[in-house]
Amino acid sequence: LGKSSAGCVLQISPMGAFCTASGLILGAILSIRFAKGIFFIVLSAGAYRAWLTWE
C-alpha cells in the first residue's frame, strides 16, 4: 500500500490526481467518523456526569 500510494503521488497525471482526490475523500470520511466518535464519547460522559449529580 505504501509503495503504490507513493508512486501515485509522484505521478503528475490524471491517475495521480485521481489517487490524491480519493485519498483526500477517504481522509475526510475517516476524520468525520472519528469526530462523531469523539462527540459520542463526550456526550455519553456528560450524560453520565449529569446522572451522577442527579442521584
N, C-alpha and C. Protein backbone atom coordinates (compact mmCIF):
# COMPACT_ATOMS: atom_id res chain seq x y z
N LEU A 1 0.85 -1.21 0.00
CA LEU A 1 0.00 0.00 0.00
C LEU A 1 0.88 1.25 0.00
N GLY A 2 1.95 1.24 0.82
CA GLY A 2 2.85 2.39 0.91
C GLY A 2 3.51 2.71 -0.41
N LYS A 3 4.01 1.66 -1.09
CA LYS A 3 4.70 1.85 -2.37
C LYS A 3 3.75 2.37 -3.43
N SER A 4 2.57 1.79 -3.52
CA SER A 4 1.60 2.19 -4.56
C SER A 4 1.13 3.63 -4.33
N SER A 5 0.88 4.01 -3.09
CA SER A 5 0.43 5.37 -2.80
C SER A 5 1.54 6.37 -3.06
N ALA A 6 2.80 5.99 -2.77
CA ALA A 6 3.94 6.88 -3.02
C ALA A 6 4.10 7.09 -4.53
N GLY A 7 3.98 6.01 -5.30
CA GLY A 7 4.06 6.10 -6.76
C GLY A 7 2.91 6.93 -7.30
N CYS A 8 1.77 6.81 -6.67
CA CYS A 8 0.57 7.54 -7.04
C CYS A 8 0.79 9.05 -6.91
N VAL A 9 1.36 9.46 -5.79
CA VAL A 9 1.58 10.88 -5.51
C VAL A 9 2.63 11.45 -6.46
N LEU A 10 3.69 10.65 -6.75
CA LEU A 10 4.78 11.12 -7.61
C LEU A 10 4.33 11.31 -9.05
N GLN A 11 3.34 10.54 -9.47
CA GLN A 11 2.85 10.65 -10.85
C GLN A 11 2.07 11.94 -11.03
N ILE A 12 2.53 12.80 -11.92
CA ILE A 12 1.78 14.01 -12.25
C ILE A 12 0.96 13.67 -13.49
N SER A 13 -0.19 13.08 -13.27
CA SER A 13 -1.03 12.60 -14.36
C SER A 13 -2.47 12.51 -13.87
N PRO A 14 -3.42 12.28 -14.76
CA PRO A 14 -4.82 12.10 -14.32
C PRO A 14 -4.96 11.02 -13.26
N MET A 15 -4.17 9.94 -13.41
CA MET A 15 -4.23 8.84 -12.44
C MET A 15 -3.73 9.33 -11.08
N GLY A 16 -2.65 10.10 -11.08
CA GLY A 16 -2.11 10.65 -9.83
C GLY A 16 -3.10 11.58 -9.16
N ALA A 17 -3.76 12.41 -9.98
CA ALA A 17 -4.77 13.34 -9.46
C ALA A 17 -5.94 12.57 -8.86
N PHE A 18 -6.33 11.48 -9.52
CA PHE A 18 -7.42 10.63 -9.04
C PHE A 18 -7.06 10.01 -7.70
N CYS A 19 -5.81 9.52 -7.58
CA CYS A 19 -5.35 8.91 -6.34
C CYS A 19 -5.35 9.93 -5.21
N THR A 20 -4.88 11.13 -5.50
CA THR A 20 -4.84 12.20 -4.50
C THR A 20 -6.26 12.55 -4.05
N ALA A 21 -7.18 12.66 -5.00
CA ALA A 21 -8.57 13.00 -4.69
C ALA A 21 -9.22 11.92 -3.84
N SER A 22 -9.01 10.65 -4.22
CA SER A 22 -9.60 9.55 -3.46
C SER A 22 -8.99 9.48 -2.06
N GLY A 23 -7.70 9.80 -1.96
CA GLY A 23 -7.04 9.83 -0.65
C GLY A 23 -7.63 10.92 0.24
N LEU A 24 -7.88 12.09 -0.35
CA LEU A 24 -8.46 13.20 0.40
C LEU A 24 -9.88 12.87 0.86
N ILE A 25 -10.66 12.24 -0.03
CA ILE A 25 -12.04 11.85 0.30
C ILE A 25 -12.04 10.84 1.44
N LEU A 26 -11.13 9.85 1.33
CA LEU A 26 -11.02 8.81 2.35
C LEU A 26 -10.64 9.43 3.69
N GLY A 27 -9.69 10.37 3.65
CA GLY A 27 -9.26 11.06 4.87
C GLY A 27 -10.40 11.85 5.50
N ALA A 28 -11.20 12.51 4.64
CA ALA A 28 -12.33 13.29 5.13
C ALA A 28 -13.37 12.40 5.80
N ILE A 29 -13.68 11.26 5.17
CA ILE A 29 -14.65 10.31 5.72
C ILE A 29 -14.18 9.79 7.07
N LEU A 30 -12.89 9.43 7.15
CA LEU A 30 -12.33 8.90 8.39
C LEU A 30 -12.35 9.95 9.50
N SER A 31 -12.00 11.20 9.16
CA SER A 31 -11.97 12.26 10.17
C SER A 31 -13.38 12.58 10.66
N ILE A 32 -14.38 12.51 9.77
CA ILE A 32 -15.78 12.75 10.15
C ILE A 32 -16.24 11.65 11.11
N ARG A 33 -15.91 10.40 10.78
CA ARG A 33 -16.29 9.28 11.65
C ARG A 33 -15.59 9.39 12.99
N PHE A 34 -14.31 9.81 12.98
CA PHE A 34 -13.53 9.97 14.20
C PHE A 34 -14.14 11.07 15.06
N ALA A 35 -14.55 12.18 14.42
CA ALA A 35 -15.16 13.31 15.12
C ALA A 35 -16.49 12.88 15.75
N LYS A 36 -17.27 12.06 15.02
CA LYS A 36 -18.54 11.56 15.55
C LYS A 36 -18.29 10.69 16.77
N GLY A 37 -17.23 9.88 16.72
CA GLY A 37 -16.88 9.01 17.85
C GLY A 37 -16.53 9.83 19.08
N ILE A 38 -15.72 10.88 18.88
CA ILE A 38 -15.33 11.77 19.99
C ILE A 38 -16.57 12.46 20.55
N PHE A 39 -17.45 12.94 19.66
CA PHE A 39 -18.68 13.61 20.07
C PHE A 39 -19.55 12.68 20.91
N PHE A 40 -19.66 11.41 20.49
CA PHE A 40 -20.46 10.42 21.21
C PHE A 40 -19.87 10.16 22.60
N ILE A 41 -18.53 10.05 22.67
CA ILE A 41 -17.86 9.81 23.95
C ILE A 41 -18.09 10.98 24.91
N VAL A 42 -17.94 12.20 24.39
CA VAL A 42 -18.14 13.41 25.21
C VAL A 42 -19.59 13.49 25.68
N LEU A 43 -20.51 13.18 24.77
CA LEU A 43 -21.94 13.23 25.08
C LEU A 43 -22.29 12.22 26.16
N SER A 44 -21.81 10.98 26.02
CA SER A 44 -22.10 9.93 27.00
C SER A 44 -21.45 10.24 28.34
N ALA A 45 -20.24 10.82 28.31
CA ALA A 45 -19.55 11.20 29.55
C ALA A 45 -20.33 12.30 30.26
N GLY A 46 -20.82 13.27 29.47
CA GLY A 46 -21.61 14.36 30.03
C GLY A 46 -22.92 13.86 30.63
N ALA A 47 -23.56 12.92 29.95
CA ALA A 47 -24.81 12.34 30.42
C ALA A 47 -24.58 11.55 31.71
N TYR A 48 -23.47 10.82 31.77
CA TYR A 48 -23.12 10.04 32.96
C TYR A 48 -22.86 10.96 34.15
N ARG A 49 -22.15 12.06 33.89
CA ARG A 49 -21.85 13.03 34.94
C ARG A 49 -23.13 13.69 35.44
N ALA A 50 -24.03 14.02 34.51
CA ALA A 50 -25.31 14.63 34.87
C ALA A 50 -26.14 13.66 35.70
N TRP A 51 -26.08 12.36 35.34
CA TRP A 51 -26.82 11.33 36.07
C TRP A 51 -26.26 11.18 37.48
N LEU A 52 -24.94 11.29 37.62
CA LEU A 52 -24.30 11.18 38.95
C LEU A 52 -24.72 12.34 39.84
N THR A 53 -24.78 13.55 39.29
CA THR A 53 -25.16 14.72 40.07
C THR A 53 -26.66 14.68 40.39
N TRP A 54 -27.45 14.07 39.49
CA TRP A 54 -28.90 13.97 39.68
C TRP A 54 -29.23 13.02 40.83
N GLU A 55 -28.43 11.97 40.99
CA GLU A 55 -28.68 10.96 42.04
C GLU A 55 -28.55 11.55 43.44
